[in-house]
Amino acid sequence: MKKLSRICFGSEPLGGADWGDVDIGDIKKAIHTALDLGVNFFDTAGVYGLGLSEERLSKMLGTHRHNVVIATKGGLSWNLNNVGRASIRKDSSSSAIRKDVESSLRRLRLECLPIFYIHWPDQNVPLSETFGELDRMRDEGKIESVGCSNFSVSQMKVALSFSKIKYTQLPVNILNGALDASLVDLCIKNEIGIVAYNVLANGLLSGKYHKDSTFPKNDRRSHLPLFRGKMYHEALESVESLKLRASSCNMSTSQYSINWALSQPSVLSAIVGIKTPKQMLDNWSAII
């Protein structure tokens, strides 16, 4: 596995859901800007747009998809209900995971997935079944590296007894504070790299929102607790304080927050959802 770029291009907006109206053409331009800058790490998941993010990412990367590291996630199954929304449930059974891997291979047009994470732990399926199947698919050459996302320390310890885990994806941002020491110790001991997500707290740490900001119904921030009531106002106060600290370092709050996440022990890369070339340039400049 090649060394990962410190910024990972988050491709969830390519799924076309939960982030308001997005311009897919602008995201395509941002992907090519990322490649020009040297970004070699792209994150997606089967559930993002119910496969659409993977399909679009593959098409936009073109032949570059063979030369970059694409990480995707599985373990979530879905069905469309009668109002056009998807009903999503956790399913990390061996048959479901095998289906997810093969579906991602097809959508991404790859012969081997560089990184495949279990998106969320499934309490109804033994970790031995899930990670045993991942190990078999790695032996078959369908997966290069196994990862887990949103797993606790205890869950990771069990999973490690059935498979070599190379990466874990976790929410890391300055509002939540430093990572748990026991988690960091486990990652160091087992040479597991941490890939940080939610680095900008769903965009709050971009510094562009204020107490009167509103979000459309097709934007998840319209119903997230962080963007409502007292919690939102307290978070905005924290962001104002961060703006002063960032300014003293000649950085934007986004850049300062990305740098903070990347400074945490064992964090290899920070996933940032990117919609425009300008966002890509601004976020990349955080590490220059």
Protein backbone atom coordinates (compact mmCIF):
# COMPACT_ATOMS: atom_id res chain seq x y z
CA MET A 1 0.00 0.00 0.00
CA LYS A 2 1.37 3.38 -1.02
CA LYS A 3 1.66 6.20 1.51
CA LEU A 4 -1.68 7.93 1.91
CA SER A 5 -2.05 11.65 1.23
CA ARG A 6 -2.76 13.60 4.40
CA ILE A 7 -6.03 14.86 2.94
CA CYS A 8 -8.55 12.24 1.87
CA PHE A 9 -11.19 13.29 -0.65
CA GLY A 10 -14.57 12.52 0.93
CA SER A 11 -16.95 11.39 -1.80
CA GLU A 12 -20.22 11.15 0.12
CA PRO A 13 -21.69 14.24 -1.66
CA LEU A 14 -21.35 12.31 -4.94
CA GLY A 15 -24.23 10.18 -3.70
CA GLY A 16 -26.49 13.19 -4.16
CA ALA A 17 -28.24 12.85 -0.79
CA ASP A 18 -28.15 14.45 2.68
CA TRP A 19 -25.95 17.43 1.80
CA GLY A 20 -28.46 19.70 0.12
CA ASP A 21 -28.23 20.55 -3.57
CA VAL A 22 -24.80 19.75 -4.98
CA ASP A 23 -23.29 20.44 -8.38
CA ILE A 24 -21.88 17.11 -9.58
CA GLY A 25 -19.92 18.94 -12.28
CA ASP A 26 -18.12 20.99 -9.62
CA ILE A 27 -17.25 17.85 -7.66
CA LYS A 28 -15.78 16.32 -10.83
CA LYS A 29 -13.60 19.42 -11.27
CA ALA A 30 -12.59 19.17 -7.59
CA ILE A 31 -11.52 15.55 -8.09
CA HIS A 32 -9.22 16.54 -10.93
CA THR A 33 -7.89 19.44 -8.85
CA ALA A 34 -7.17 16.93 -6.10
CA LEU A 35 -5.28 14.65 -8.47
CA ASP A 36 -3.23 17.60 -9.74
CA LEU A 37 -2.32 18.51 -6.14
CA GLY A 38 -1.18 14.99 -5.32
CA VAL A 39 -4.19 13.66 -3.41
CA ASN A 40 -4.12 9.88 -3.76
CA PHE A 41 -6.74 8.86 -1.19
CA PHE A 42 -10.49 8.81 -1.87
CA ASP A 43 -13.22 7.68 0.52
CA THR A 44 -16.66 6.38 -0.36
CA ALA A 45 -19.18 3.73 0.75
CA GLY A 46 -21.74 1.47 -0.79
CA VAL A 47 -24.55 3.19 1.08
CA TYR A 48 -23.68 6.70 -0.17
CA GLY A 49 -26.41 7.34 -2.71
CA LEU A 50 -27.12 3.59 -2.66
CA GLY A 51 -24.12 2.86 -4.85
CA LEU A 52 -24.17 6.11 -6.82
CA SER A 53 -21.14 7.63 -5.07
CA GLU A 54 -18.97 4.63 -5.97
CA GLU A 55 -20.17 4.62 -9.58
CA ARG A 56 -19.61 8.34 -10.05
CA LEU A 57 -16.23 8.30 -8.32
CA SER A 58 -15.02 5.50 -10.59
CA LYS A 59 -16.21 7.31 -13.70
CA MET A 60 -14.69 10.65 -12.66
CA LEU A 61 -11.35 9.12 -11.73
CA GLY A 62 -11.21 7.16 -14.98
CA THR A 63 -7.94 5.27 -15.34
CA HIS A 64 -6.61 7.11 -12.26
CA ARG A 65 -8.71 4.72 -10.16
CA HIS A 66 -5.95 2.14 -10.60
CA ASN A 67 -3.26 4.49 -9.27
CA VAL A 68 -4.97 5.90 -6.18
CA VAL A 69 -6.18 4.37 -2.92
CA ILE A 70 -9.96 4.06 -2.83
CA ALA A 71 -11.48 3.14 0.51
CA THR A 72 -15.07 1.97 0.64
CA LYS A 73 -17.36 0.57 3.31
CA GLY A 74 -19.98 -2.15 3.63
CA GLY A 75 -22.15 -3.89 6.18
CA LEU A 76 -25.26 -1.76 5.55
CA SER A 77 -28.13 -3.17 3.51
CA TRP A 78 -30.98 -1.14 2.10
CA ASN A 79 -34.45 -1.35 0.59
CA LEU A 80 -36.46 1.45 -1.00
CA ASN A 81 -39.77 2.11 0.73
CA ASN A 82 -42.97 3.46 -0.78
CA VAL A 83 -42.04 7.12 -0.22
CA GLY A 84 -38.78 6.90 -2.13
CA ARG A 85 -36.57 6.79 0.95
CA ALA A 86 -34.27 3.91 1.70
CA SER A 87 -34.69 1.71 4.73
CA ILE A 88 -31.15 0.95 5.91
CA ARG A 89 -30.10 -1.75 8.36
CA LYS A 90 -26.83 -3.18 9.59
CA ASP A 91 -25.93 -6.57 8.12
CA SER A 92 -22.41 -7.87 8.56
CA SER A 93 -23.23 -11.53 7.97
CA SER A 94 -20.71 -13.38 5.83
CA SER A 95 -23.08 -13.54 2.86
CA ALA A 96 -23.95 -9.83 3.08
CA ILE A 97 -20.31 -8.77 3.37
CA ARG A 98 -19.31 -10.88 0.39
CA LYS A 99 -22.14 -9.35 -1.63
CA ASP A 100 -21.08 -5.84 -0.55
CA VAL A 101 -17.45 -6.40 -1.56
CA GLU A 102 -18.39 -7.82 -4.95
CA SER A 103 -20.90 -5.01 -5.55
CA SER A 104 -18.28 -2.37 -4.70
CA LEU A 105 -15.76 -4.04 -6.99
CA ARG A 106 -18.30 -3.87 -9.82
CA ARG A 107 -19.34 -0.25 -9.18
CA LEU A 108 -15.76 0.97 -8.75
CA ARG A 109 -14.57 -1.15 -11.70
CA LEU A 110 -11.68 -2.63 -9.74
CA GLU A 111 -10.32 -6.14 -9.35
CA CYS A 112 -9.21 -5.51 -5.75
CA LEU A 113 -10.47 -2.99 -3.18
CA PRO A 114 -7.49 -1.15 -1.63
CA ILE A 115 -9.34 -0.67 1.69
CA PHE A 116 -12.67 -2.15 2.76
CA TYR A 117 -14.15 -1.10 6.12
CA ILE A 118 -17.07 -2.51 8.04
CA HIS A 119 -19.11 0.69 8.21
CA TRP A 120 -20.72 0.09 11.63
CA PRO A 121 -20.46 -2.83 14.04
CA ASP A 122 -23.42 -5.22 13.77
CA GLN A 123 -24.43 -6.45 17.22
CA ASN A 124 -26.43 -9.32 15.70
CA VAL A 125 -23.52 -11.01 13.94
CA PRO A 126 -20.42 -12.44 15.64
CA LEU A 127 -17.25 -10.56 14.75
CA SER A 128 -15.67 -13.94 14.03
CA GLU A 129 -18.10 -14.43 11.14
CA THR A 130 -17.63 -10.93 9.73
CA PHE A 131 -13.85 -10.69 9.94
CA GLY A 132 -13.32 -14.34 9.08
CA GLU A 133 -15.10 -13.68 5.79
CA LEU A 134 -13.04 -10.53 5.20
CA ASP A 135 -9.87 -12.54 5.75
CA ARG A 136 -11.02 -15.13 3.19
CA MET A 137 -11.72 -12.41 0.62
CA ARG A 138 -8.32 -10.88 1.27
CA ASP A 139 -6.77 -14.29 0.58
CA GLU A 140 -8.82 -14.40 -2.63
CA GLY A 141 -7.37 -11.04 -3.71
CA LYS A 142 -10.65 -9.12 -3.54
CA ILE A 143 -9.48 -6.87 -0.68
CA GLU A 144 -5.99 -5.52 -0.04
CA SER A 145 -6.52 -4.07 3.46
CA VAL A 146 -9.25 -4.67 6.04
CA GLY A 147 -10.61 -1.81 8.11
CA CYS A 148 -13.30 -1.06 10.66
CA SER A 149 -15.28 2.14 11.10
CA ASN A 150 -16.93 3.39 14.29
CA PHE A 151 -15.73 0.41 16.35
CA SER A 152 -15.06 0.67 20.08
CA VAL A 153 -11.76 -0.42 21.61
CA SER A 154 -13.32 -3.66 22.89
CA GLN A 155 -14.85 -4.46 19.51
CA MET A 156 -11.56 -3.81 17.75
CA LYS A 157 -9.74 -6.14 20.15
CA VAL A 158 -12.13 -8.96 19.31
CA ALA A 159 -11.97 -8.26 15.56
CA LEU A 160 -8.16 -8.33 15.68
CA SER A 161 -8.27 -11.94 16.83
CA PHE A 162 -9.84 -12.91 13.50
CA SER A 163 -8.20 -10.58 10.99
CA LYS A 164 -5.32 -8.17 10.58
CA ILE A 165 -6.89 -4.71 10.69
CA LYS A 166 -4.82 -2.05 8.96
CA TYR A 167 -7.09 0.99 9.28
CA THR A 168 -9.83 2.32 11.51
CA GLN A 169 -12.07 5.24 10.59
CA LEU A 170 -13.25 7.40 13.48
CA PRO A 171 -14.78 10.85 14.07
CA VAL A 172 -12.00 13.21 15.08
CA ASN A 173 -12.50 16.94 15.54
CA ILE A 174 -11.42 19.73 17.83
CA LEU A 175 -14.90 20.14 19.33
CA ASN A 176 -14.90 16.55 20.58
CA GLY A 177 -11.35 16.79 21.89
CA ALA A 178 -8.45 14.35 21.98
CA LEU A 179 -8.82 10.68 21.12
CA ASP A 180 -9.20 8.14 23.90
CA ALA A 181 -5.75 7.08 25.10
CA SER A 182 -6.65 3.38 25.18
CA LEU A 183 -7.73 3.57 21.54
CA VAL A 184 -4.48 5.23 20.52
CA ASP A 185 -2.46 2.65 22.46
CA LEU A 186 -4.31 -0.19 20.73
CA CYS A 187 -3.67 1.34 17.31
CA ILE A 188 0.04 1.89 18.03
CA LYS A 189 0.49 -1.65 19.39
CA ASN A 190 -1.22 -3.23 16.37
CA GLU A 191 0.07 -0.79 13.73
CA ILE A 192 -3.43 0.39 12.85
CA GLY A 193 -3.66 3.73 11.09
CA ILE A 194 -6.47 6.08 12.07
CA VAL A 195 -8.36 7.81 9.27
CA ALA A 196 -10.23 10.78 10.71
CA TYR A 197 -13.71 11.72 9.57
CA ASN A 198 -16.12 14.49 10.59
CA VAL A 199 -13.03 16.63 10.94
CA LEU A 200 -15.06 19.78 10.28
CA ALA A 201 -18.06 18.68 12.40
CA ASN A 202 -20.45 18.47 9.44
CA GLY A 203 -19.18 21.82 8.18
CA LEU A 204 -19.64 23.73 11.43
CA LEU A 205 -15.87 24.23 11.72
CA SER A 206 -15.77 25.89 8.32
CA GLY A 207 -16.76 29.01 10.24
CA LYS A 208 -19.35 30.06 7.65
CA TYR A 209 -22.49 29.40 9.69
CA HIS A 210 -24.21 31.73 12.19
CA LYS A 211 -27.20 31.71 14.52
CA ASP A 212 -29.63 32.53 11.70
CA SER A 213 -28.32 29.93 9.24
CA THR A 214 -30.96 27.56 7.90
CA PHE A 215 -30.70 24.26 6.05
CA PRO A 216 -33.07 22.66 3.51
CA LYS A 217 -34.82 19.39 4.34
CA ASN A 218 -32.49 17.46 2.02
CA ASP A 219 -29.51 18.56 4.12
CA ARG A 220 -28.83 16.39 7.18
CA ARG A 221 -27.86 19.46 9.19
CA SER A 222 -31.55 20.41 9.26
CA HIS A 223 -32.13 17.68 11.84
CA LEU A 224 -28.73 17.08 13.49
CA PRO A 225 -28.74 18.04 17.22
CA LEU A 226 -25.45 19.91 16.78
CA PHE A 227 -27.22 22.42 14.52
CA ARG A 228 -30.23 23.00 16.74
CA GLY A 229 -31.06 24.94 19.90
CA LYS A 230 -28.67 25.40 22.79
CA MET A 231 -26.10 22.93 21.46
CA TYR A 232 -25.84 24.90 18.22
CA HIS A 233 -25.41 28.25 19.94
CA GLU A 234 -22.75 26.87 22.29
CA ALA A 235 -20.91 25.33 19.33
CA LEU A 236 -20.99 28.64 17.47
CA GLU A 237 -19.36 30.30 20.47
CA SER A 238 -16.59 27.70 20.35
CA VAL A 239 -16.12 28.35 16.64
CA GLU A 240 -15.75 32.09 17.29
CA SER A 241 -12.97 31.33 19.76
CA LEU A 242 -11.34 29.03 17.21
CA LYS A 243 -11.45 31.79 14.60
CA LEU A 244 -9.20 33.92 16.80
CA ARG A 245 -6.73 31.07 17.35
CA ALA A 246 -6.74 30.24 13.65
CA SER A 247 -6.22 33.88 12.68
CA SER A 248 -3.16 34.11 14.94
CA CYS A 249 -1.69 31.23 12.87
CA ASN A 250 -2.72 32.85 9.56
CA MET A 251 -5.23 30.05 8.97
CA SER A 252 -8.94 29.75 8.38
CA THR A 253 -10.95 27.80 10.95
CA SER A 254 -11.18 24.92 8.44
CA GLN A 255 -7.43 24.80 7.99
CA TYR A 256 -6.81 25.07 11.72
CA SER A 257 -9.28 22.26 12.44
CA ILE A 258 -7.79 19.98 9.79
CA ASN A 259 -4.31 20.58 11.17
CA TRP A 260 -5.52 19.80 14.68
CA ALA A 261 -7.00 16.47 13.56
CA LEU A 262 -3.85 15.54 11.66
CA SER A 263 -1.73 16.29 14.73
CA GLN A 264 -3.49 13.61 16.79
CA PRO A 265 -1.46 10.45 17.43
CA SER A 266 -1.79 7.68 14.82
CA VAL A 267 -3.97 9.82 12.51
CA LEU A 268 -2.73 9.19 8.96
CA SER A 269 -5.22 11.21 6.96
CA ALA A 270 -8.23 13.48 7.37
CA ILE A 271 -11.35 12.93 5.26
CA VAL A 272 -12.89 16.17 4.08
CA GLY A 273 -16.11 16.26 2.07
CA ILE A 274 -15.32 18.41 -0.96
CA LYS A 275 -17.80 19.94 -3.39
CA THR A 276 -15.74 22.51 -5.33
CA PRO A 277 -12.17 23.03 -6.57
CA LYS A 278 -11.88 26.04 -4.22
CA GLN A 279 -12.69 23.88 -1.20
CA MET A 280 -10.08 21.38 -2.36
CA LEU A 281 -7.42 24.08 -2.66
CA ASP A 282 -8.31 25.64 0.69
CA ASN A 283 -8.23 22.31 2.52
CA TRP A 284 -5.01 21.21 0.85
CA SER A 285 -3.31 24.45 1.84
CA ALA A 286 -3.92 23.47 5.47
CA ILE A 287 -1.04 21.01 5.25
CA ILE A 288 1.40 23.01 3.13
